[in-house]
Protein backbone atom coordinates (compact mmCIF):
# COMPACT_ATOMS: atom_id res chain seq x y z
CA MET A 1 58.39 73.25 110.75
CA THR A 2 57.47 75.33 107.05
CA GLU A 3 59.39 74.11 103.44
CA THR A 4 60.87 77.09 103.15
CA GLN A 5 62.95 76.48 106.59
CA THR A 6 62.67 72.82 105.79
CA GLY A 7 64.91 73.70 101.88
CA LEU A 8 66.96 76.57 103.51
CA ILE A 9 68.62 74.11 106.62
CA GLY A 10 69.34 71.74 103.47
CA SER A 11 70.97 73.91 102.38
CA VAL A 12 73.02 74.89 105.06
CA THR A 13 73.60 71.36 106.45
CA LEU A 14 75.03 70.76 102.19
CA TYR A 15 77.37 73.94 102.95
CA MET A 16 78.56 72.73 106.06
CA LEU A 17 79.10 69.18 104.69
CA ALA A 18 80.95 71.04 101.76
CA MET A 19 83.18 72.91 104.48
CA LEU A 20 84.19 69.57 105.78
CA GLY A 21 84.99 68.20 102.66
CA ILE A 22 87.43 70.31 101.64
CA GLY A 23 89.35 70.54 105.05
CA PHE A 24 89.52 66.52 105.22
CA TRP A 25 91.20 66.47 101.69
CA THR A 26 93.00 69.40 102.59
CA SER A 27 95.08 67.51 105.88
CA LYS A 28 96.58 64.88 102.82
CA LYS A 29 98.60 68.06 101.78
CA ILE A 30 100.30 68.55 105.66
CA LYS A 31 103.61 67.32 106.19
CA ASP A 32 104.94 70.20 109.09
CA THR A 33 103.79 73.61 110.43
CA ALA A 34 104.80 75.67 108.25
CA ASP A 35 102.18 74.39 105.38
CA TYR A 36 99.92 74.12 108.98
CA ILE A 37 100.47 77.92 109.70
CA VAL A 38 101.10 79.50 106.60
CA ALA A 39 100.10 76.95 103.21
CA GLY A 40 103.81 75.91 102.94
CA ASN A 41 103.95 80.04 101.34
CA ARG A 42 103.03 79.21 98.17
CA LEU A 43 99.85 81.04 97.52
CA GLY A 44 98.76 83.30 94.70
CA TRP A 45 97.30 86.26 93.91
CA TRP A 46 93.13 85.07 93.87
CA LEU A 47 94.22 82.43 97.46
CA SER A 48 95.88 85.33 98.67
CA ILE A 49 93.10 88.17 97.90
CA GLY A 50 90.45 85.82 98.90
CA THR A 51 91.62 84.24 102.41
CA ILE A 52 93.02 87.82 104.06
CA PHE A 53 89.10 89.20 102.31
CA ALA A 54 87.62 86.71 103.64
CA THR A 55 89.41 86.13 106.98
CA TRP A 56 88.57 90.19 107.80
CA PHE A 57 84.74 89.80 106.84
CA GLY A 58 83.19 88.16 109.45
CA ALA A 59 80.80 88.47 111.82
CA GLU A 60 81.14 92.06 113.21
CA THR A 61 81.20 93.03 109.40
CA CYS A 62 78.17 91.29 108.28
CA MET A 63 75.86 90.77 111.71
CA GLY A 64 77.33 93.37 114.03
CA ALA A 65 77.95 96.04 111.72
CA SER A 66 74.70 95.96 109.83
CA ARG A 67 73.60 96.15 114.21
CA THR A 68 74.95 98.91 115.14
CA ALA A 69 74.04 101.00 111.31
CA PHE A 70 70.65 100.06 111.97
CA GLU A 71 70.71 101.69 115.17
CA LYS A 72 73.79 104.61 115.43
CA GLY A 73 73.93 104.72 111.16
CA ILE A 74 77.57 105.24 109.62
CA MET A 75 79.18 107.05 112.74
CA GLY A 76 78.64 103.67 114.55
CA VAL A 77 80.38 101.37 112.41
CA ILE A 78 84.28 103.89 112.18
CA ALA A 79 85.54 100.34 113.11
CA ASP A 80 84.97 98.58 111.06
CA PRO A 81 84.36 98.99 108.11
CA PHE A 82 86.75 101.69 107.89
CA GLY A 83 89.57 101.06 110.29
CA ALA A 84 89.47 97.79 109.36
CA GLY A 85 89.79 98.33 106.07
CA LEU A 86 92.79 100.61 106.52
CA CYS A 87 94.82 98.34 108.63
CA LEU A 88 95.18 96.31 106.01
CA VAL A 89 96.42 99.25 103.63
CA LEU A 90 99.28 100.42 105.86
CA SER A 91 100.36 96.89 106.49
CA GLY A 92 100.60 96.29 102.52
CA VAL A 93 102.32 99.87 102.11
CA PHE A 94 104.17 99.36 105.41
CA PHE A 95 104.77 96.40 106.94
CA VAL A 96 104.59 93.21 104.60
CA LYS A 97 108.15 93.36 102.81
CA PHE A 98 109.98 94.24 106.56
CA PHE A 99 108.12 90.70 107.99
CA TYR A 100 108.28 88.98 104.51
CA LYS A 101 111.23 88.93 104.26
CA MET A 102 111.87 87.25 108.04
CA LYS A 103 110.80 84.14 106.91
CA ALA A 104 109.14 83.81 109.90
CA LYS A 105 105.70 81.99 110.82
CA THR A 106 104.30 83.72 113.66
CA ILE A 107 104.50 87.46 114.69
CA ILE A 108 106.20 85.51 118.38
CA ASP A 109 109.00 84.91 115.82
CA TYR A 110 109.26 88.20 114.94
CA PHE A 111 109.14 89.89 118.77
CA GLU A 112 111.43 86.73 119.68
CA ARG A 113 114.23 88.41 117.26
CA ARG A 114 113.32 92.19 118.31
CA TYR A 115 113.32 91.47 122.04
CA GLY A 116 114.73 88.60 122.83
CA LYS A 117 112.65 85.40 124.82
CA VAL A 118 111.12 86.75 127.87
CA MET A 119 109.46 89.40 126.08
CA ALA A 120 107.63 86.92 123.20
CA ARG A 121 106.39 84.63 125.97
CA ILE A 122 104.63 87.35 128.14
CA LEU A 123 103.34 89.06 124.62
CA SER A 124 102.65 85.19 123.31
CA LEU A 125 100.31 84.90 126.27
CA ILE A 126 98.50 88.30 125.38
CA TYR A 127 96.82 87.03 122.04
CA ILE A 128 95.38 83.71 123.78
CA PRO A 129 92.31 85.76 124.75
CA VAL A 130 92.07 88.50 121.74
CA TYR A 131 90.84 85.67 119.53
CA VAL A 132 89.88 83.24 121.95
CA GLY A 133 86.92 86.20 122.28
CA TRP A 134 86.91 86.52 118.41
CA VAL A 135 85.96 83.85 117.85
CA ALA A 136 83.33 83.37 120.98
CA ALA A 137 81.65 86.28 117.97
CA GLN A 138 82.02 84.91 115.57
CA VAL A 139 80.01 81.63 116.38
CA LEU A 140 77.52 83.95 118.26
CA ALA A 141 76.46 84.96 114.92
CA PHE A 142 76.24 81.81 113.56
CA GLY A 143 74.71 80.22 115.98
CA VAL A 144 72.20 83.79 116.09
CA ILE A 145 71.28 82.89 112.08
CA LEU A 146 70.60 79.60 112.51
CA HIS A 147 67.85 80.09 115.26
CA SER A 148 66.16 82.41 112.99
CA LEU A 149 66.21 80.23 110.34
CA THR A 150 65.50 76.70 112.08
CA GLY A 151 64.34 77.74 116.08
CA ILE A 152 66.30 75.57 117.60
CA PRO A 153 66.64 76.88 120.68
CA ASP A 154 70.27 79.51 120.66
CA THR A 155 72.48 77.25 122.75
CA ALA A 156 72.67 74.31 120.01
CA CYS A 157 72.94 76.37 117.40
CA ILE A 158 75.97 78.06 118.96
CA VAL A 159 77.21 74.48 119.08
CA ILE A 160 76.74 73.14 116.07
CA SER A 161 78.38 75.97 114.99
CA THR A 162 81.86 75.54 116.77
CA ALA A 163 81.67 72.38 116.05
CA VAL A 164 81.94 72.35 112.50
CA VAL A 165 84.82 75.03 112.20
CA ILE A 166 87.00 73.50 114.54
CA LEU A 167 87.10 70.14 112.29
CA TYR A 168 87.63 71.50 108.62
CA THR A 169 90.31 74.09 110.13
CA TYR A 170 91.77 70.67 112.64
CA TRP A 171 92.10 68.96 109.39
CA GLY A 172 93.86 70.74 107.32
CA GLY A 173 95.52 74.14 109.18
CA MET A 174 95.80 76.54 107.04
CA TRP A 175 96.01 74.99 103.58
CA ALA A 176 92.06 74.50 104.66
CA VAL A 177 91.33 78.07 106.12
CA THR A 178 92.44 79.45 102.70
CA ILE A 179 90.58 77.15 100.18
CA THR A 180 87.21 77.34 101.62
CA ASP A 181 87.99 81.67 102.64
CA PHE A 182 88.73 81.83 98.37
CA VAL A 183 85.03 79.61 97.60
CA GLN A 184 83.41 81.69 100.64
CA MET A 185 84.53 85.21 99.15
CA ILE A 186 82.54 84.21 96.33
CA ILE A 187 79.26 83.32 97.91
CA LEU A 188 79.57 86.49 100.25
CA ILE A 189 80.49 89.14 97.48
CA ALA A 190 77.10 86.96 95.67
CA GLY A 191 74.45 87.11 98.39
CA PHE A 192 74.93 90.92 99.17
CA VAL A 193 75.09 92.02 95.19
CA VAL A 194 71.99 90.54 95.12
CA LEU A 195 69.81 91.68 97.96
CA PHE A 196 71.57 94.96 98.11
CA PRO A 197 69.85 96.46 95.01
CA ILE A 198 66.29 94.83 95.62
CA LEU A 199 66.18 97.11 99.03
CA LEU A 200 67.91 100.71 97.15
CA LYS A 201 65.29 99.97 95.41
CA GLU A 202 62.80 98.84 97.94
CA VAL A 203 63.27 102.21 99.73
CA GLY A 204 63.75 104.66 97.11
CA GLY A 205 67.14 105.07 96.39
CA PHE A 206 69.31 107.05 98.68
CA ALA A 207 67.92 110.31 98.61
CA VAL A 208 65.38 108.89 99.90
CA MET A 209 66.60 107.14 102.92
CA LYS A 210 68.53 110.39 103.74
CA ALA A 211 65.47 112.36 103.90
CA GLU A 212 63.72 109.50 106.34
CA LEU A 213 66.63 108.11 108.39
CA PRO A 214 67.38 110.47 111.28
CA ASP A 215 69.74 113.66 111.28
CA GLY A 216 73.17 112.35 111.27
CA PHE A 217 73.11 108.95 110.35
CA PHE A 218 74.90 109.48 107.17
CA SER A 219 77.33 111.92 108.94
CA PHE A 220 81.33 110.65 108.49
CA TYR A 221 82.46 112.16 111.29
CA PRO A 222 81.19 114.15 114.48
CA ARG A 223 79.19 117.20 114.20
CA SER A 224 79.95 118.76 117.30
CA PHE A 225 83.12 121.03 118.81
CA SER A 226 83.81 118.56 121.69
CA PRO A 227 87.13 117.23 122.39
CA LEU A 228 85.74 113.75 123.62
CA ASP A 229 83.59 113.19 120.69
CA TRP A 230 86.86 113.18 118.64
CA LEU A 231 89.17 110.83 121.28
CA ASN A 232 86.62 109.06 120.32
CA TYR A 233 86.17 108.65 116.95
CA LEU A 234 89.93 108.72 116.60
CA GLN A 235 89.93 106.03 118.67
CA ALA A 236 87.17 104.43 116.24
CA TRP A 237 89.97 103.88 113.84
CA MET A 238 92.53 103.11 115.64
CA LEU A 239 90.50 99.78 117.09
CA VAL A 240 91.40 97.93 114.37
CA GLY A 241 93.40 100.36 112.43
CA ILE A 242 96.28 99.98 114.30
CA GLY A 243 95.50 97.62 116.70
CA SER A 244 94.47 94.67 114.38
CA LEU A 245 98.36 95.23 112.77
CA PRO A 246 99.92 92.81 114.93
CA GLY A 247 97.69 90.41 114.68
CA GLN A 248 98.47 87.01 113.83
CA ASP A 249 95.49 85.53 110.88
CA LEU A 250 96.88 89.09 109.78
CA PHE A 251 100.79 87.87 109.78
CA GLN A 252 99.74 84.70 108.78
CA ARG A 253 98.51 85.56 105.44
CA ILE A 254 101.58 88.26 104.46
CA MET A 255 103.57 85.36 105.09
CA ALA A 256 101.59 82.99 103.34
CA PRO A 257 101.98 84.88 98.98
CA LYS A 258 104.61 83.13 97.19
CA SER A 259 105.81 85.93 96.68
CA ILE A 260 106.45 89.67 98.59
CA ARG A 261 104.66 91.49 95.45
CA ILE A 262 101.98 89.71 95.93
CA ALA A 263 101.73 89.47 99.74
CA ARG A 264 101.84 93.42 99.72
CA TRP A 265 99.00 93.82 96.64
CA SER A 266 97.60 91.18 97.86
CA SER A 267 97.13 93.34 101.45
CA ILE A 268 96.44 96.41 99.21
CA TYR A 269 94.16 95.72 97.41
CA SER A 270 92.26 93.14 99.71
CA GLY A 271 91.30 96.84 101.94
CA ILE A 272 89.76 98.20 99.47
CA LEU A 273 87.52 95.32 98.11
CA TYR A 274 86.73 95.48 102.35
CA VAL A 275 85.66 98.81 102.05
CA PHE A 276 83.26 98.67 99.35
CA ILE A 277 82.01 96.06 99.87
CA GLY A 278 81.68 96.69 104.33
CA LEU A 279 79.93 99.07 103.19
CA LEU A 280 76.74 96.67 101.72
CA PRO A 281 75.96 95.19 105.23
CA VAL A 282 76.02 98.58 106.72
CA PHE A 283 73.77 100.83 104.28
CA LEU A 284 71.27 96.96 104.55
CA GLY A 285 71.21 97.92 108.11
CA MET A 286 70.34 101.83 107.53
CA MET A 287 67.56 100.28 105.28
CA GLY A 288 66.30 97.58 107.56
CA ARG A 289 65.79 100.14 109.69
CA MET A 290 62.88 102.14 106.87
CA VAL A 291 61.27 99.48 105.77
CA LEU A 292 61.26 96.81 109.12
CA PRO A 293 61.20 99.79 112.06
CA GLY A 294 59.93 97.10 114.40
CA GLN A 295 62.77 95.15 114.84
CA SER A 296 65.62 94.83 117.53
CA GLY A 297 68.11 94.47 114.82
CA ASP A 298 69.99 91.76 116.12
CA ALA A 299 69.43 90.19 113.25
CA ILE A 300 67.94 92.25 110.52
CA LEU A 301 70.03 90.71 107.39
CA ILE A 302 68.33 87.53 107.93
CA ASP A 303 65.30 89.99 108.43
CA LEU A 304 65.59 91.54 105.14
CA SER A 305 66.44 88.37 103.48
CA MET A 306 62.99 85.95 104.97
CA LYS A 307 60.83 89.03 103.73
CA TYR A 308 62.43 90.80 100.21
CA LEU A 309 63.96 86.96 98.51
CA PRO A 310 62.38 84.12 97.03
CA THR A 311 63.59 80.98 98.10
CA VAL A 312 66.52 80.24 96.01
CA LEU A 313 68.03 83.44 97.09
CA ILE A 314 67.31 83.31 100.28
CA ALA A 315 70.12 80.31 100.68
CA VAL A 316 72.68 81.93 98.29
CA MET A 317 72.45 85.15 100.80
CA ILE A 318 72.64 82.70 104.01
CA GLY A 319 75.50 81.34 102.29
CA ALA A 320 77.07 84.48 102.23
CA LEU A 321 76.56 84.84 105.77
CA LEU A 322 77.84 81.58 106.89
CA SER A 323 80.83 82.01 104.63
CA ALA A 324 81.57 85.47 106.24
CA ILE A 325 81.32 83.96 109.34
CA MET A 326 83.28 80.66 108.73
CA SER A 327 85.97 81.89 107.42
CA THR A 328 86.90 83.90 109.80
CA VAL A 329 86.20 82.11 112.98
CA SER A 330 88.32 79.29 110.96
CA SER A 331 91.24 81.80 110.96
CA ALA A 332 90.91 83.49 114.31
CA ILE A 333 91.15 79.98 115.89
CA LEU A 334 94.40 78.96 113.47
CA ALA A 335 95.75 81.75 114.61
CA PRO A 336 96.92 81.78 118.37
CA ALA A 337 96.60 77.82 117.47
CA GLY A 338 99.50 78.58 115.67
CA ILE A 339 101.29 80.88 118.60
CA ILE A 340 101.08 77.57 121.20
CA GLY A 341 101.92 75.00 118.81
CA HIS A 342 104.76 76.67 117.44
CA ASN A 343 105.77 79.18 120.37
CA ILE A 344 104.76 78.20 123.33
CA VAL A 345 106.05 74.13 123.40
CA SER A 346 109.10 75.62 121.82
CA ALA A 347 109.45 77.29 125.02
CA LEU A 348 108.22 75.23 126.96
CA LYS A 349 110.39 72.39 125.41
CA PRO A 350 113.49 73.62 123.76
CA ASP A 351 113.67 70.52 121.41
CA ALA A 352 110.51 69.63 120.52
CA GLY A 353 110.25 68.73 116.70
CA GLU A 354 108.19 69.59 113.78
CA ALA A 355 106.26 66.44 115.09
CA LEU A 356 105.50 67.84 118.59
CA LYS A 357 104.78 71.14 117.59
CA LEU A 358 101.81 70.13 114.36
CA GLN A 359 100.47 68.00 116.91
CA TRP A 360 99.96 70.59 119.72
CA CYS A 361 98.62 73.16 117.00
CA LYS A 362 96.16 70.52 115.88
CA ARG A 363 95.18 70.25 120.36
CA SER A 364 95.03 74.18 120.49
CA ILE A 365 92.42 74.61 118.83
CA LEU A 366 90.16 72.19 120.48
CA ILE A 367 91.28 74.27 123.55
CA ILE A 368 90.70 77.73 121.83
CA GLY A 369 87.27 76.31 120.23
CA ALA A 370 86.30 75.04 123.46
CA GLY A 371 86.89 78.16 125.28
CA SER A 372 85.48 80.58 123.11
CA LEU A 373 82.46 77.92 123.06
CA ALA A 374 82.32 78.97 126.37
CA ILE A 375 82.23 82.57 125.86
CA ALA A 376 80.38 82.59 123.45
CA LEU A 377 77.33 80.81 125.34
CA TYR A 378 77.71 84.31 128.02
CA PHE A 379 78.13 87.71 125.60
CA LYS A 380 75.83 88.14 123.38
CA ASN A 381 77.40 91.87 121.49
CA ILE A 382 78.99 90.53 118.89
CA TYR A 383 80.49 93.47 117.64
CA LEU A 384 81.21 95.03 120.82
CA LEU A 385 83.29 91.00 121.34
CA CYS A 386 85.37 92.23 118.51
CA THR A 387 86.29 95.99 119.06
CA GLN A 388 87.41 94.78 122.86
CA SER A 389 89.35 91.90 121.37
CA TRP A 390 90.99 94.14 119.36
CA GLY A 391 92.02 96.66 121.51
CA ILE A 392 93.67 94.62 123.45
CA LEU A 393 96.13 94.32 120.99
CA LEU A 394 95.86 98.07 120.15
CA VAL A 395 97.15 99.36 124.37
CA GLY A 396 99.30 95.82 124.31
CA VAL A 397 101.20 94.90 121.15
CA ALA A 398 100.66 97.70 118.60
CA ALA A 399 103.69 100.28 119.36
CA PRO A 400 106.44 97.48 120.07
CA MET A 401 105.28 95.94 117.00
CA ILE A 402 105.46 99.11 114.98
CA ALA A 403 108.54 100.92 117.19
CA GLY A 404 110.40 96.97 116.24
CA VAL A 405 110.34 97.74 113.32
CA TYR A 406 110.94 101.51 112.28
CA TRP A 407 112.74 102.92 115.07
CA LYS A 408 116.16 101.10 116.31
CA LYS A 409 116.84 102.52 119.62
CA ALA A 410 113.55 100.07 120.64
CA ASN A 411 114.90 97.98 122.82
CA THR A 412 113.59 95.05 125.05
CA TYR A 413 113.18 96.82 128.20
CA GLY A 414 111.12 100.17 126.71
CA ALA A 415 108.84 97.36 124.71
CA MET A 416 107.87 95.29 128.32
CA ALA A 417 107.67 99.21 129.51
CA GLY A 418 105.29 99.68 126.71
CA ALA A 419 102.95 96.36 126.97
CA VAL A 420 102.77 96.17 130.45
CA THR A 421 102.23 99.89 131.21
CA GLY A 422 99.72 100.39 127.92
CA THR A 423 97.47 97.20 129.41
CA LEU A 424 97.52 97.90 133.02
CA ALA A 425 96.28 102.25 131.57
CA TRP A 426 93.79 100.67 129.39
CA ILE A 427 92.52 98.58 131.96
CA ILE A 428 91.94 100.72 134.96
CA PHE A 429 90.40 103.48 132.86
CA SER A 430 87.84 101.01 132.23
CA PHE A 431 87.47 100.59 135.53
CA VAL A 432 87.55 104.46 136.57
CA LEU A 433 86.32 105.83 133.85
CA GLY A 434 83.62 103.56 132.32
CA ASP A 435 82.00 103.01 128.90
CA GLY A 436 82.13 106.15 126.94
CA TYR A 437 85.71 107.50 126.77
CA PRO A 438 88.30 106.79 124.68
CA ASN A 439 90.39 104.22 127.04
CA ASN A 440 91.91 102.09 124.63
CA LEU A 441 93.26 105.49 122.73
CA PHE A 442 94.91 105.96 126.53
CA GLY A 443 96.04 103.31 127.01
CA PHE A 444 97.69 103.07 123.65
CA LEU A 445 99.11 106.62 123.84
CA ILE A 446 100.71 105.51 126.94
CA SER A 447 102.24 102.08 125.74
CA CYS A 448 103.72 104.48 123.40
CA VAL A 449 105.26 107.16 126.30
CA SER A 450 106.56 104.18 128.06
CA LEU A 451 108.38 102.59 125.49
CA ILE A 452 109.97 105.05 124.06
CA ALA A 453 111.18 107.09 127.72
CA VAL A 454 112.57 103.47 128.96
CA SER A 455 113.61 102.81 125.84
CA TRP A 456 115.83 106.03 126.01
CA MET A 457 116.78 105.39 129.75
CA THR A 458 117.97 101.93 129.40
CA GLN A 459 120.43 102.52 126.13
CA GLY A 460 123.65 102.60 128.35
CA ILE A 461 122.56 98.88 130.01
CA GLN A 462 121.41 97.16 126.44
CA LYS A 463 121.99 99.12 123.01
CA PRO A 464 119.30 97.15 120.42
CA LEU A 465 120.83 95.27 117.18
CA VAL A 466 118.22 95.27 114.52
CA GLY A 467 119.78 93.54 111.24
CA GLU A 468 117.92 93.33 107.80
CA GLY A 469 118.90 90.00 107.18
CA PRO A 470 117.96 86.77 107.60
CA GLU A 471 117.10 84.92 111.03
CA GLU A 472 121.35 84.14 112.49
CA CYS A 473 122.08 87.91 111.68
CA ARG A 474 119.21 89.22 114.09
CA ALA A 475 120.29 89.12 117.57
CA ASP A 476 118.25 87.77 120.42
CA SER A 477 118.61 91.27 122.87
CA ILE A 478 117.40 88.91 125.98
CA ASP A 479 120.32 87.15 125.67
CA GLY A 480 123.16 89.32 125.62
CA ASP A 481 125.83 90.84 123.84
CA ARG A 482 127.54 87.80 122.59
CA ASN A 483 124.39 87.13 120.03
CA ALA A 484 125.00 91.23 119.13
CA VAL A 485 128.89 90.56 118.51
CA ARG A 486 128.31 87.64 116.29
CA ALA A 487 125.61 89.81 114.46
CA ARG A 488 127.35 92.23 114.12
CA LYS A 489 130.09 89.77 112.70
CA LYS A 490 128.27 88.30 110.04
CA MET A 491 126.88 91.87 109.00
CA THR A 492 130.90 92.52 108.45
CA ASP A 493 131.63 89.29 106.43
CA GLY A 494 128.77 89.70 104.52
CA ALA A 495 126.87 87.30 105.93
CA CYS A 496 123.66 89.33 105.17
CA SER A 497 122.60 90.90 102.48
């Protein structure tokens, strides 16, 4: 092992110990599930922006997008960072105000109040595989980095990285994730700001890049008139741009700030920042194709750092990559753990107290982490794992969420039809048509049509009531007319304001 490798391993070890220390320290702040899931709704501007940005800036943005840009250029990374940045802006403009007023802990709380308990339980099960796949992508990227630095076998690296993230998330929940996200955001930006100008000077600037890279590498939209190309392009925008709107990780972060104004503008600012910083690994991947043409692109950012940076700056860059991944994986583990502990446990045991819910939130982190580790050991494409994970939310959950906010006639039967038909259509199209077709887009469109049609046809059976106030003013549509009458009476009497 070289002196450089020894120094880098020491730096990585210190970094991991620091993250574990933060997790242990923040565990003292945890009193109930509100602290564990949404940090007690006490985040200010900097922590809010930091946790949103760092959560989304993960393996798919660093390792995945740089590799894909290395192979395909800008058109290969429309889903992330462009679609992801769009999602954060859309969330801040159209959804944050509505959700924040609910004072809910999970996105499943919203579905339960809007569509009823049965629908909420069905959707809660859809969320688990989404986050298991997302976590798997993060720990896979973490393993790639450790393997590149140390030469330790991939399997051992993936296991080590999973263990570290599980520990500090288990201890501190959303508080630990928030504090580490802020620290990691600073390290991340510093790392890319250091490497980017060095590589840009090395290749001779953007004009030289455009001249030497293959035609179309800087294209932002399809140059052909093929309908299939444009449909795939639209799907790329929607996979994360719309598919991530109902994400539990995003919901936690718009509920955690201490005011609506902070929640709303933190999402918008984070989206803008995300696109600008997210383009740095994209351009670095494209530069890597020029200066390291013989590489596969799998670990192009590591390869570039090792070749062009001194040891101290390599440590900064590695810290940036680890920061991006660890912030995302901790959030991705916490999101389904919150749903399991807060929603699924309550469904199975209605009289469950806060202590039991908190206990299951923590147990779920271990379960989700173990499942993700198993998937990471078998799947090797980081970008594909991430985009396909979010594709599940696009086809099964996005339409019910959006319709629930903006269309008062959407009811439980329509939402259930939309979730089921969209998911089934996506699965069928994926098997029948295969890759190369916008199967997620087809599934989403079928989900929308089914939701609208069934909601219209069942208005006589079930007329949903959508309140604007607190929980007791929102009818539980699955439980029948008694709640609707009670909610109407509260609204008439002025209880909801």
